[in-house]
Amino acid sequence: MYTIDNKTYPCCTSVTMKFIGGKWKAVILYHLIKGTKRYNEIRKEIPTITERTLSLQLKQLEDDGIISRKVFTEKPPLVVEYSLTDFGRTLLPVLNEITKWGEDAIIQSKKITRN
């Protein structure tokens, strides 16, 4: 058993899922692998996510120390950029394996089609 922020997790897998679980966190991180992105860039790359959900997931990832948020106020409009932290980059091998598994599943499954 492990406790983080007063919440108990039964195993290490559940700790990992605390950080990247859910429908969107791993997808957001996938889009940040290649570097810093502005909020609108992430939004365009994930058109099926709502703005509210994207904002909430980015906030959770930031609170967990996985991504950093930098605000530029020098010139209008306000610019916000997101990037992986050093801690977030430790997830790269995991994210790469998830991506590889998904690619293999697409090849092996007769039910999946690419749009």
PDB file of N, CA and C in Angstrom:
ATOM      1  N   MET A   1       0.839  -1.174   0.000  1.00  0.00           N
ATOM      2  CA  MET A   1       0.000   0.000   0.000  1.00  0.00           C
ATOM      3  C   MET A   1       0.890   1.245   0.000  1.00  0.00           C
ATOM      4  N   TYR A   2       0.429   2.252  -0.741  1.00  0.00           N
ATOM      5  CA  TYR A   2       1.165   3.503  -0.855  1.00  0.00           C
ATOM      6  C   TYR A   2       0.190   4.663  -0.658  1.00  0.00           C
ATOM      7  N   THR A   3       0.657   5.714  -0.018  1.00  0.00           N
ATOM      8  CA  THR A   3      -0.197   6.872   0.206  1.00  0.00           C
ATOM      9  C   THR A   3       0.445   8.106  -0.406  1.00  0.00           C
ATOM     10  N   ILE A   4      -0.335   8.804  -1.232  1.00  0.00           N
ATOM     11  CA  ILE A   4       0.093  10.056  -1.847  1.00  0.00           C
ATOM     12  C   ILE A   4      -1.029  11.060  -1.619  1.00  0.00           C
ATOM     13  N   ASP A   5      -0.681  12.196  -1.049  1.00  0.00           N
ATOM     14  CA  ASP A   5      -1.686  13.247  -0.790  1.00  0.00           C
ATOM     15  C   ASP A   5      -2.907  12.692  -0.056  1.00  0.00           C
ATOM     16  N   ASN A   6      -2.657  11.896   0.960  1.00  0.00           N
ATOM     17  CA  ASN A   6      -3.710  11.308   1.807  1.00  0.00           C
ATOM     18  C   ASN A   6      -4.628  10.335   1.079  1.00  0.00           C
ATOM     19  N   LYS A   7      -4.229   9.871  -0.093  1.00  0.00           N
ATOM     20  CA  LYS A   7      -5.010   8.856  -0.801  1.00  0.00           C
ATOM     21  C   LYS A   7      -4.155   7.592  -0.889  1.00  0.00           C
ATOM     22  N   THR A   8      -4.768   6.447  -0.580  1.00  0.00           N
ATOM     23  CA  THR A   8      -4.042   5.183  -0.543  1.00  0.00           C
ATOM     24  C   THR A   8      -4.221   4.431  -1.852  1.00  0.00           C
ATOM     25  N   TYR A   9      -3.121   3.865  -2.327  1.00  0.00           N
ATOM     26  CA  TYR A   9      -3.102   3.088  -3.565  1.00  0.00           C
ATOM     27  C   TYR A   9      -2.630   1.675  -3.235  1.00  0.00           C
ATOM     28  N   PRO A  10      -3.284   0.649  -3.789  1.00  0.00           N
ATOM     29  CA  PRO A  10      -2.960  -0.726  -3.423  1.00  0.00           C
ATOM     30  C   PRO A  10      -1.670  -1.269  -4.032  1.00  0.00           C
ATOM     31  N   CYS A  11      -1.187  -0.644  -5.140  1.00  0.00           N
ATOM     32  CA  CYS A  11       0.018  -1.164  -5.789  1.00  0.00           C
ATOM     33  C   CYS A  11       0.673  -0.071  -6.628  1.00  0.00           C
ATOM     34  N   CYS A  12       1.846  -0.365  -7.146  1.00  0.00           N
ATOM     35  CA  CYS A  12       2.586   0.601  -7.959  1.00  0.00           C
ATOM     36  C   CYS A  12       1.855   0.930  -9.263  1.00  0.00           C
ATOM     37  N   THR A  13       1.145  -0.027  -9.821  1.00  0.00           N
ATOM     38  CA  THR A  13       0.390   0.231 -11.051  1.00  0.00           C
ATOM     39  C   THR A  13      -0.668   1.295 -10.802  1.00  0.00           C
ATOM     40  N   SER A  14      -1.338   1.213  -9.665  1.00  0.00           N
ATOM     41  CA  SER A  14      -2.363   2.215  -9.363  1.00  0.00           C
ATOM     42  C   SER A  14      -1.741   3.594  -9.147  1.00  0.00           C
ATOM     43  N   VAL A  15      -0.504   3.644  -8.652  1.00  0.00           N
ATOM     44  CA  VAL A  15       0.198   4.921  -8.515  1.00  0.00           C
ATOM     45  C   VAL A  15       0.468   5.498  -9.905  1.00  0.00           C
ATOM     46  N   THR A  16       0.947   4.676 -10.814  1.00  0.00           N
ATOM     47  CA  THR A  16       1.186   5.125 -12.189  1.00  0.00           C
ATOM     48  C   THR A  16      -0.095   5.652 -12.816  1.00  0.00           C
ATOM     49  N   MET A  17      -1.187   4.923 -12.635  1.00  0.00           N
ATOM     50  CA  MET A  17      -2.463   5.335 -13.220  1.00  0.00           C
ATOM     51  C   MET A  17      -2.989   6.621 -12.585  1.00  0.00           C
ATOM     52  N   LYS A  18      -2.599   6.887 -11.349  1.00  0.00           N
ATOM     53  CA  LYS A  18      -2.978   8.155 -10.722  1.00  0.00           C
ATOM     54  C   LYS A  18      -2.430   9.315 -11.538  1.00  0.00           C
ATOM     55  N   PHE A  19      -1.229   9.143 -12.071  1.00  0.00           N
ATOM     56  CA  PHE A  19      -0.592  10.201 -12.834  1.00  0.00           C
ATOM     57  C   PHE A  19      -1.027  10.256 -14.299  1.00  0.00           C
ATOM     58  N   ILE A  20      -1.239   9.112 -14.942  1.00  0.00           N
ATOM     59  CA  ILE A  20      -1.527   9.128 -16.383  1.00  0.00           C
ATOM     60  C   ILE A  20      -2.847   8.475 -16.757  1.00  0.00           C
ATOM     61  N   GLY A  21      -3.623   8.041 -15.766  1.00  0.00           N
ATOM     62  CA  GLY A  21      -4.866   7.345 -16.050  1.00  0.00           C
ATOM     63  C   GLY A  21      -5.950   8.253 -16.582  1.00  0.00           C
ATOM     64  N   GLY A  22      -7.016   7.637 -17.027  1.00  0.00           N
ATOM     65  CA  GLY A  22      -8.131   8.379 -17.594  1.00  0.00           C
ATOM     66  C   GLY A  22      -8.025   8.421 -19.102  1.00  0.00           C
ATOM     67  N   LYS A  23      -9.012   9.026 -19.694  1.00  0.00           N
ATOM     68  CA  LYS A  23      -9.114   9.037 -21.153  1.00  0.00           C
ATOM     69  C   LYS A  23      -8.107   9.972 -21.823  1.00  0.00           C
ATOM     70  N   TRP A  24      -7.712  11.068 -21.159  1.00  0.00           N
ATOM     71  CA  TRP A  24      -6.990  12.109 -21.871  1.00  0.00           C
ATOM     72  C   TRP A  24      -5.553  12.371 -21.438  1.00  0.00           C
ATOM     73  N   LYS A  25      -5.162  12.032 -20.235  1.00  0.00           N
ATOM     74  CA  LYS A  25      -3.832  12.420 -19.765  1.00  0.00           C
ATOM     75  C   LYS A  25      -2.713  11.861 -20.642  1.00  0.00           C
ATOM     76  N   ALA A  26      -2.748  10.585 -20.945  1.00  0.00           N
ATOM     77  CA  ALA A  26      -1.695   9.990 -21.774  1.00  0.00           C
ATOM     78  C   ALA A  26      -1.711  10.598 -23.172  1.00  0.00           C
ATOM     79  N   VAL A  27      -2.890  10.925 -23.681  1.00  0.00           N
ATOM     80  CA  VAL A  27      -3.001  11.546 -25.007  1.00  0.00           C
ATOM     81  C   VAL A  27      -2.351  12.931 -24.992  1.00  0.00           C
ATOM     82  N   ILE A  28      -2.636  13.702 -23.972  1.00  0.00           N
ATOM     83  CA  ILE A  28      -2.020  15.026 -23.839  1.00  0.00           C
ATOM     84  C   ILE A  28      -0.500  14.893 -23.755  1.00  0.00           C
ATOM     85  N   LEU A  29      -0.031  13.966 -22.940  1.00  0.00           N
ATOM     86  CA  LEU A  29       1.406  13.761 -22.796  1.00  0.00           C
ATOM     87  C   LEU A  29       2.040  13.319 -24.110  1.00  0.00           C
ATOM     88  N   TYR A  30       1.341  12.471 -24.861  1.00  0.00           N
ATOM     89  CA  TYR A  30       1.825  12.033 -26.175  1.00  0.00           C
ATOM     90  C   TYR A  30       2.106  13.251 -27.064  1.00  0.00           C
ATOM     91  N   HIS A  31       1.221  14.232 -27.016  1.00  0.00           N
ATOM     92  CA  HIS A  31       1.385  15.421 -27.852  1.00  0.00           C
ATOM     93  C   HIS A  31       2.466  16.369 -27.330  1.00  0.00           C
ATOM     94  N   LEU A  32       2.883  16.196 -26.095  1.00  0.00           N
ATOM     95  CA  LEU A  32       3.954  17.025 -25.547  1.00  0.00           C
ATOM     96  C   LEU A  32       5.327  16.358 -25.635  1.00  0.00           C
ATOM     97  N   ILE A  33       5.377  15.112 -26.116  1.00  0.00           N
ATOM     98  CA  ILE A  33       6.648  14.385 -26.189  1.00  0.00           C
ATOM     99  C   ILE A  33       7.673  15.142 -27.023  1.00  0.00           C
ATOM    100  N   LYS A  34       7.244  15.714 -28.148  1.00  0.00           N
ATOM    101  CA  LYS A  34       8.199  16.354 -29.061  1.00  0.00           C
ATOM    102  C   LYS A  34       8.570  17.770 -28.650  1.00  0.00           C
ATOM    103  N   GLY A  35       7.943  18.283 -27.596  1.00  0.00           N
ATOM    104  CA  GLY A  35       8.339  19.603 -27.130  1.00  0.00           C
ATOM    105  C   GLY A  35       7.184  20.455 -26.648  1.00  0.00           C
ATOM    106  N   THR A  36       7.516  21.679 -26.337  1.00  0.00           N
ATOM    107  CA  THR A  36       6.576  22.650 -25.790  1.00  0.00           C
ATOM    108  C   THR A  36       5.470  22.964 -26.790  1.00  0.00           C
ATOM    109  N   LYS A  37       4.247  23.083 -26.264  1.00  0.00           N
ATOM    110  CA  LYS A  37       3.098  23.427 -27.097  1.00  0.00           C
ATOM    111  C   LYS A  37       2.248  24.460 -26.383  1.00  0.00           C
ATOM    112  N   ARG A  38       1.635  25.307 -27.180  1.00  0.00           N
ATOM    113  CA  ARG A  38       0.664  26.254 -26.655  1.00  0.00           C
ATOM    114  C   ARG A  38      -0.656  25.539 -26.455  1.00  0.00           C
ATOM    115  N   TYR A  39      -1.480  26.118 -25.585  1.00  0.00           N
ATOM    116  CA  TYR A  39      -2.790  25.541 -25.297  1.00  0.00           C
ATOM    117  C   TYR A  39      -3.566  25.279 -26.588  1.00  0.00           C
ATOM    118  N   ASN A  40      -3.622  26.262 -27.477  1.00  0.00           N
ATOM    119  CA  ASN A  40      -4.392  26.112 -28.718  1.00  0.00           C
ATOM    120  C   ASN A  40      -3.831  25.039 -29.638  1.00  0.00           C
ATOM    121  N   GLU A  41      -2.524  24.829 -29.605  1.00  0.00           N
ATOM    122  CA  GLU A  41      -1.921  23.763 -30.407  1.00  0.00           C
ATOM    123  C   GLU A  41      -2.395  22.400 -29.898  1.00  0.00           C
ATOM    124  N   ILE A  42      -2.388  22.239 -28.586  1.00  0.00           N
ATOM    125  CA  ILE A  42      -2.854  20.979 -28.003  1.00  0.00           C
ATOM    126  C   ILE A  42      -4.326  20.779 -28.354  1.00  0.00           C
ATOM    127  N   ARG A  43      -5.105  21.820 -28.224  1.00  0.00           N
ATOM    128  CA  ARG A  43      -6.551  21.767 -28.510  1.00  0.00           C
ATOM    129  C   ARG A  43      -6.804  21.344 -29.955  1.00  0.00           C
ATOM    130  N   LYS A  44      -6.032  21.866 -30.901  1.00  0.00           N
ATOM    131  CA  LYS A  44      -6.189  21.512 -32.320  1.00  0.00           C
ATOM    132  C   LYS A  44      -5.769  20.075 -32.596  1.00  0.00           C
ATOM    133  N   GLU A  45      -4.762  19.592 -31.869  1.00  0.00           N
ATOM    134  CA  GLU A  45      -4.278  18.228 -32.080  1.00  0.00           C
ATOM    135  C   GLU A  45      -5.195  17.184 -31.459  1.00  0.00           C
ATOM    136  N   ILE A  46      -6.047  17.599 -30.533  1.00  0.00           N
ATOM    137  CA  ILE A  46      -6.997  16.690 -29.888  1.00  0.00           C
ATOM    138  C   ILE A  46      -8.398  17.310 -30.038  1.00  0.00           C
ATOM    139  N   PRO A  47      -8.950  17.305 -31.247  1.00  0.00           N
ATOM    140  CA  PRO A  47     -10.208  18.022 -31.488  1.00  0.00           C
ATOM    141  C   PRO A  47     -11.419  17.466 -30.750  1.00  0.00           C
ATOM    142  N   THR A  48     -11.353  16.228 -30.293  1.00  0.00           N
ATOM    143  CA  THR A  48     -12.518  15.631 -29.621  1.00  0.00           C
ATOM    144  C   THR A  48     -12.570  15.912 -28.121  1.00  0.00           C
ATOM    145  N   ILE A  49     -11.546  16.559 -27.585  1.00  0.00           N
ATOM    146  CA  ILE A  49     -11.560  16.897 -26.156  1.00  0.00           C
ATOM    147  C   ILE A  49     -12.250  18.260 -25.982  1.00  0.00           C
ATOM    148  N   THR A  50     -13.033  18.389 -24.950  1.00  0.00           N
ATOM    149  CA  THR A  50     -13.662  19.685 -24.682  1.00  0.00           C
ATOM    150  C   THR A  50     -12.646  20.619 -24.040  1.00  0.00           C
ATOM    151  N   GLU A  51     -12.880  21.917 -24.159  1.00  0.00           N
ATOM    152  CA  GLU A  51     -11.969  22.881 -23.558  1.00  0.00           C
ATOM    153  C   GLU A  51     -11.920  22.717 -22.043  1.00  0.00           C
ATOM    154  N   ARG A  52     -13.057  22.460 -21.446  1.00  0.00           N
ATOM    155  CA  ARG A  52     -13.121  22.272 -19.988  1.00  0.00           C
ATOM    156  C   ARG A  52     -12.287  21.070 -19.565  1.00  0.00           C
ATOM    157  N   THR A  53     -12.454  19.960 -20.268  1.00  0.00           N
ATOM    158  CA  THR A  53     -11.701  18.754 -19.931  1.00  0.00           C
ATOM    159  C   THR A  53     -10.210  18.967 -20.142  1.00  0.00           C
ATOM    160  N   LEU A  54      -9.836  19.594 -21.247  1.00  0.00           N
ATOM    161  CA  LEU A  54      -8.418  19.862 -21.495  1.00  0.00           C
ATOM    162  C   LEU A  54      -7.837  20.722 -20.378  1.00  0.00           C
ATOM    163  N   SER A  55      -8.533  21.769 -20.008  1.00  0.00           N
ATOM    164  CA  SER A  55      -8.052  22.644 -18.936  1.00  0.00           C
ATOM    165  C   SER A  55      -7.893  21.888 -17.623  1.00  0.00           C
ATOM    166  N   LEU A  56      -8.873  21.057 -17.280  1.00  0.00           N
ATOM    167  CA  LEU A  56      -8.805  20.286 -16.034  1.00  0.00           C
ATOM    168  C   LEU A  56      -7.656  19.288 -16.050  1.00  0.00           C
ATOM    169  N   GLN A  57      -7.487  18.588 -17.176  1.00  0.00           N
ATOM    170  CA  GLN A  57      -6.423  17.589 -17.267  1.00  0.00           C
ATOM    171  C   GLN A  57      -5.048  18.255 -17.224  1.00  0.00           C
ATOM    172  N   LEU A  58      -4.896  19.386 -17.917  1.00  0.00           N
ATOM    173  CA  LEU A  58      -3.630  20.110 -17.863  1.00  0.00           C
ATOM    174  C   LEU A  58      -3.328  20.567 -16.436  1.00  0.00           C
ATOM    175  N   LYS A  59      -4.331  21.039 -15.742  1.00  0.00           N
ATOM    176  CA  LYS A  59      -4.164  21.476 -14.345  1.00  0.00           C
ATOM    177  C   LYS A  59      -3.723  20.313 -13.458  1.00  0.00           C
ATOM    178  N   GLN A  60      -4.375  19.145 -13.630  1.00  0.00           N
ATOM    179  CA  GLN A  60      -3.992  17.973 -12.836  1.00  0.00           C
ATOM    180  C   GLN A  60      -2.561  17.540 -13.135  1.00  0.00           C
ATOM    181  N   LEU A  61      -2.192  17.529 -14.410  1.00  0.00           N
ATOM    182  CA  LEU A  61      -0.829  17.147 -14.786  1.00  0.00           C
ATOM    183  C   LEU A  61       0.189  18.142 -14.221  1.00  0.00           C
ATOM    184  N   GLU A  62      -0.170  19.403 -14.210  1.00  0.00           N
ATOM    185  CA  GLU A  62       0.706  20.424 -13.629  1.00  0.00           C
ATOM    186  C   GLU A  62       0.813  20.242 -12.113  1.00  0.00           C
ATOM    187  N   ASP A  63      -0.326  20.039 -11.452  1.00  0.00           N
ATOM    188  CA  ASP A  63      -0.331  19.829  -9.992  1.00  0.00           C
ATOM    189  C   ASP A  63       0.493  18.611  -9.593  1.00  0.00           C
ATOM    190  N   ASP A  64       0.510  17.587 -10.454  1.00  0.00           N
ATOM    191  CA  ASP A  64       1.268  16.367 -10.179  1.00  0.00           C
ATOM    192  C   ASP A  64       2.740  16.493 -10.553  1.00  0.00           C
ATOM    193  N   GLY A  65       3.131  17.628 -11.127  1.00  0.00           N
ATOM    194  CA  GLY A  65       4.530  17.838 -11.474  1.00  0.00           C
ATOM    195  C   GLY A  65       4.960  17.173 -12.761  1.00  0.00           C
ATOM    196  N   ILE A  66       4.002  16.742 -13.569  1.00  0.00           N
ATOM    197  CA  ILE A  66       4.312  16.052 -14.832  1.00  0.00           C
ATOM    198  C   ILE A  66       4.594  17.060 -15.943  1.00  0.00           C
ATOM    199  N   ILE A  67       3.852  18.159 -15.963  1.00  0.00           N
ATOM    200  CA  ILE A  67       4.070  19.202 -16.958  1.00  0.00           C
ATOM    201  C   ILE A  67       4.277  20.536 -16.249  1.00  0.00           C
ATOM    202  N   SER A  68       4.874  21.460 -16.987  1.00  0.00           N
ATOM    203  CA  SER A  68       4.998  22.826 -16.471  1.00  0.00           C
ATOM    204  C   SER A  68       4.196  23.751 -17.378  1.00  0.00           C
ATOM    205  N   ARG A  69       3.735  24.820 -16.782  1.00  0.00           N
ATOM    206  CA  ARG A  69       2.920  25.822 -17.477  1.00  0.00           C
ATOM    207  C   ARG A  69       3.653  27.149 -17.386  1.00  0.00           C
ATOM    208  N   LYS A  70       3.882  27.761 -18.541  1.00  0.00           N
ATOM    209  CA  LYS A  70       4.568  29.045 -18.570  1.00  0.00           C
ATOM    210  C   LYS A  70       3.650  30.059 -19.247  1.00  0.00           C
ATOM    211  N   VAL A  71       3.435  31.192 -18.572  1.00  0.00           N
ATOM    212  CA  VAL A  71       2.556  32.236 -19.078  1.00  0.00           C
ATOM    213  C   VAL A  71       3.413  33.416 -19.539  1.00  0.00           C
ATOM    214  N   PHE A  72       3.150  33.861 -20.768  1.00  0.00           N
ATOM    215  CA  PHE A  72       3.830  35.024 -21.316  1.00  0.00           C
ATOM    216  C   PHE A  72       2.829  36.170 -21.373  1.00  0.00           C
ATOM    217  N   THR A  73       3.141  37.244 -20.650  1.00  0.00           N
ATOM    218  CA  THR A  73       2.209  38.371 -20.585  1.00  0.00           C
ATOM    219  C   THR A  73       2.776  39.620 -21.254  1.00  0.00           C
ATOM    220  N   GLU A  74       3.911  39.494 -21.923  1.00  0.00           N
ATOM    221  CA  GLU A  74       4.563  40.668 -22.504  1.00  0.00           C
ATOM    222  C   GLU A  74       3.702  41.355 -23.556  1.00  0.00           C
ATOM    223  N   LYS A  75       2.999  40.554 -24.351  1.00  0.00           N
ATOM    224  CA  LYS A  75       2.194  41.157 -25.404  1.00  0.00           C
ATOM    225  C   LYS A  75       0.857  40.435 -25.498  1.00  0.00           C
ATOM    226  N   PRO A  76      -0.171  41.177 -25.767  1.00  0.00           N
ATOM    227  CA  PRO A  76      -1.478  40.534 -25.959  1.00  0.00           C
ATOM    228  C   PRO A  76      -1.479  39.793 -27.288  1.00  0.00           C
ATOM    229  N   PRO A  77      -2.217  38.733 -27.460  1.00  0.00           N
ATOM    230  CA  PRO A  77      -2.972  38.067 -26.408  1.00  0.00           C
ATOM    231  C   PRO A  77      -2.051  37.244 -25.491  1.00  0.00           C
ATOM    232  N   LEU A  78      -2.564  36.914 -24.334  1.00  0.00           N
ATOM    233  CA  LEU A  78      -1.844  36.104 -23.360  1.00  0.00           C
ATOM    234  C   LEU A  78      -1.462  34.769 -23.996  1.00  0.00           C
ATOM    235  N   VAL A  79      -0.229  34.357 -23.815  1.00  0.00           N
ATOM    236  CA  VAL A  79       0.246  33.090 -24.375  1.00  0.00           C
ATOM    237  C   VAL A  79       0.604  32.157 -23.220  1.00  0.00           C
ATOM    238  N   VAL A  80       0.101  30.912 -23.283  1.00  0.00           N
ATOM    239  CA  VAL A  80       0.407  29.906 -22.272  1.00  0.00           C
ATOM    240  C   VAL A  80       1.013  28.708 -22.986  1.00  0.00           C
ATOM    241  N   GLU A  81       2.164  28.257 -22.498  1.00  0.00           N
ATOM    242  CA  GLU A  81       2.831  27.094 -23.077  1.00  0.00           C
ATOM    243  C   GLU A  81       2.972  25.998 -22.034  1.00  0.00           C
ATOM    244  N   TYR A  82       2.896  24.764 -22.515  1.00  0.00           N
ATOM    245  CA  TYR A  82       3.021  23.590 -21.651  1.00  0.00           C
ATOM    246  C   TYR A  82       4.173  22.735 -22.158  1.00  0.00           C
ATOM    247  N   SER A  83       4.894  22.147 -21.224  1.00  0.00           N
ATOM    248  CA  SER A  83       5.981  21.232 -21.579  1.00  0.00           C
ATOM    249  C   SER A  83       6.157  20.209 -20.467  1.00  0.00           C
ATOM    250  N   LEU A  84       6.806  19.118 -20.816  1.00  0.00           N
ATOM    251  CA  LEU A  84       7.097  18.085 -19.822  1.00  0.00           C
ATOM    252  C   LEU A  84       8.167  18.583 -18.852  1.00  0.00           C
ATOM    253  N   THR A  85       8.010  18.264 -17.596  1.00  0.00           N
ATOM    254  CA  THR A  85       9.049  18.534 -16.607  1.00  0.00           C
ATOM    255  C   THR A  85      10.064  17.397 -16.661  1.00  0.00           C
ATOM    256  N   ASP A  86      11.131  17.511 -15.898  1.00  0.00           N
ATOM    257  CA  ASP A  86      12.084  16.398 -15.808  1.00  0.00           C
ATOM    258  C   ASP A  86      11.370  15.146 -15.302  1.00  0.00           C
ATOM    259  N   PHE A  87      10.522  15.329 -14.293  1.00  0.00           N
ATOM    260  CA  PHE A  87       9.738  14.203 -13.766  1.00  0.00           C
ATOM    261  C   PHE A  87       8.818  13.643 -14.850  1.00  0.00           C
ATOM    262  N   GLY A  88       8.190  14.505 -15.616  1.00  0.00           N
ATOM    263  CA  GLY A  88       7.315  14.071 -16.706  1.00  0.00           C
ATOM    264  C   GLY A  88       8.063  13.295 -17.777  1.00  0.00           C
ATOM    265  N   ARG A  89       9.306  13.706 -18.052  1.00  0.00           N
ATOM    266  CA  ARG A  89      10.103  12.992 -19.069  1.00  0.00           C
ATOM    267  C   ARG A  89      10.459  11.572 -18.632  1.00  0.00           C
ATOM    268  N   THR A  90      10.389  11.300 -17.318  1.00  0.00           N
ATOM    269  CA  THR A  90      10.643   9.923 -16.880  1.00  0.00           C
ATOM    270  C   THR A  90       9.537   8.988 -17.360  1.00  0.00           C
ATOM    271  N   LEU A  91       8.407   9.560 -17.791  1.00  0.00           N
ATOM    272  CA  LEU A  91       7.301   8.757 -18.327  1.00  0.00           C
ATOM    273  C   LEU A  91       7.482   8.391 -19.798  1.00  0.00           C
ATOM    274  N   LEU A  92       8.485   8.953 -20.468  1.00  0.00           N
ATOM    275  CA  LEU A  92       8.656   8.706 -21.901  1.00  0.00           C
ATOM    276  C   LEU A  92       8.733   7.220 -22.262  1.00  0.00           C
ATOM    277  N   PRO A  93       9.507   6.397 -21.550  1.00  0.00           N
ATOM    278  CA  PRO A  93       9.516   4.975 -21.910  1.00  0.00           C
ATOM    279  C   PRO A  93       8.128   4.331 -21.795  1.00  0.00           C
ATOM    280  N   VAL A  94       7.371   4.713 -20.784  1.00  0.00           N
ATOM    281  CA  VAL A  94       6.017   4.176 -20.592  1.00  0.00           C
ATOM    282  C   VAL A  94       5.115   4.619 -21.733  1.00  0.00           C
ATOM    283  N   LEU A  95       5.147   5.910 -22.051  1.00  0.00           N
ATOM    284  CA  LEU A  95       4.309   6.432 -23.134  1.00  0.00           C
ATOM    285  C   LEU A  95       4.684   5.827 -24.482  1.00  0.00           C
ATOM    286  N   ASN A  96       5.984   5.638 -24.715  1.00  0.00           N
ATOM    287  CA  ASN A  96       6.421   5.008 -25.967  1.00  0.00           C
ATOM    288  C   ASN A  96       5.917   3.576 -26.070  1.00  0.00           C
ATOM    289  N   GLU A  97       5.935   2.850 -24.971  1.00  0.00           N
ATOM    290  CA  GLU A  97       5.427   1.470 -24.985  1.00  0.00           C
ATOM    291  C   GLU A  97       3.914   1.428 -25.185  1.00  0.00           C
ATOM    292  N   ILE A  98       3.196   2.363 -24.568  1.00  0.00           N
ATOM    293  CA  ILE A  98       1.742   2.435 -24.774  1.00  0.00           C
ATOM    294  C   ILE A  98       1.450   2.705 -26.247  1.00  0.00           C
ATOM    295  N   THR A  99       2.196   3.627 -26.851  1.00  0.00           N
ATOM    296  CA  THR A  99       2.021   3.943 -28.270  1.00  0.00           C
ATOM    297  C   THR A  99       2.329   2.731 -29.135  1.00  0.00           C
ATOM    298  N   LYS A 100       3.426   2.056 -28.845  1.00  0.00           N
ATOM    299  CA  LYS A 100       3.804   0.862 -29.615  1.00  0.00           C
ATOM    300  C   LYS A 100       2.733  -0.216 -29.496  1.00  0.00           C
ATOM    301  N   TRP A 101       2.222  -0.425 -28.296  1.00  0.00           N
ATOM    302  CA  TRP A 101       1.183  -1.429 -28.094  1.00  0.00           C
ATOM    303  C   TRP A 101      -0.055  -1.066 -28.910  1.00  0.00           C
ATOM    304  N   GLY A 102      -0.417   0.207 -28.915  1.00  0.00           N
ATOM    305  CA  GLY A 102      -1.566   0.655 -29.694  1.00  0.00           C
ATOM    306  C   GLY A 102      -1.366   0.429 -31.184  1.00  0.00           C
ATOM    307  N   GLU A 103      -0.168   0.703 -31.682  1.00  0.00           N
ATOM    308  CA  GLU A 103       0.135   0.459 -33.103  1.00  0.00           C
ATOM    309  C   GLU A 103       0.011  -1.026 -33.425  1.00  0.00           C
ATOM    310  N   ASP A 104       0.547  -1.883 -32.553  1.00  0.00           N
ATOM    311  CA  ASP A 104       0.447  -3.330 -32.750  1.00  0.00           C
ATOM    312  C   ASP A 104      -1.006  -3.790 -32.708  1.00  0.00           C
ATOM    313  N   ALA A 105      -1.790  -3.227 -31.801  1.00  0.00           N
ATOM    314  CA  ALA A 105      -3.204  -3.602 -31.693  1.00  0.00           C
ATOM    315  C   ALA A 105      -3.959  -3.235 -32.963  1.00  0.00           C
ATOM    316  N   ILE A 106      -3.628  -2.082 -33.550  1.00  0.00           N
ATOM    317  CA  ILE A 106      -4.268  -1.663 -34.800  1.00  0.00           C
ATOM    318  C   ILE A 106      -3.963  -2.663 -35.909  1.00  0.00           C
ATOM    319  N   ILE A 107      -2.719  -3.091 -35.989  1.00  0.00           N
ATOM    320  CA  ILE A 107      -2.307  -4.041 -37.025  1.00  0.00           C
ATOM    321  C   ILE A 107      -2.981  -5.389 -36.827  1.00  0.00           C
ATOM    322  N   GLN A 108      -3.074  -5.853 -35.582  1.00  0.00           N
ATOM    323  CA  GLN A 108      -3.604  -7.181 -35.302  1.00  0.00           C
ATOM    324  C   GLN A 108      -5.112  -7.255 -35.263  1.00  0.00           C
ATOM    325  N   SER A 109      -5.761  -6.156 -34.993  1.00  0.00           N
ATOM    326  CA  SER A 109      -7.211  -6.184 -34.851  1.00  0.00           C
ATOM    327  C   SER A 109      -7.906  -5.968 -36.185  1.00  0.00           C
ATOM    328  N   LYS A 110      -8.910  -6.752 -36.416  1.00  0.00           N
ATOM    329  CA  LYS A 110      -9.696  -6.594 -37.636  1.00  0.00           C
ATOM    330  C   LYS A 110     -10.843  -5.624 -37.409  1.00  0.00           C
ATOM    331  N   LYS A 111     -11.026  -5.171 -36.184  1.00  0.00           N
ATOM    332  CA  LYS A 111     -12.142  -4.290 -35.836  1.00  0.00           C
ATOM    333  C   LYS A 111     -11.759  -2.812 -35.882  1.00  0.00           C
ATOM    334  N   ILE A 112     -10.469  -2.511 -35.938  1.00  0.00           N
ATOM    335  CA  ILE A 112     -10.008  -1.125 -35.892  1.00  0.00           C
ATOM    336  C   ILE A 112      -9.763  -0.608 -37.299  1.00  0.00           C
ATOM    337  N   THR A 113     -10.277   0.557 -37.601  1.00  0.00           N
ATOM    338  CA  THR A 113     -10.002   1.206 -38.878  1.00  0.00           C
ATOM    339  C   THR A 113      -9.441   2.579 -38.599  1.00  0.00           C
ATOM    340  N   ARG A 114      -8.642   3.050 -39.517  1.00  0.00           N
ATOM    341  CA  ARG A 114      -8.050   4.388 -39.364  1.00  0.00           C
ATOM    342  C   ARG A 114      -8.920   5.398 -40.098  1.00  0.00           C
ATOM    343  N   ASN A 115      -9.235   6.504 -39.441  1.00  0.00           N
ATOM    344  CA  ASN A 115     -10.052   7.543 -40.059  1.00  0.00           C
ATOM    345  C   ASN A 115      -9.208   8.583 -40.730  1.00  0.00           C
TER     346      ASN A 115
END
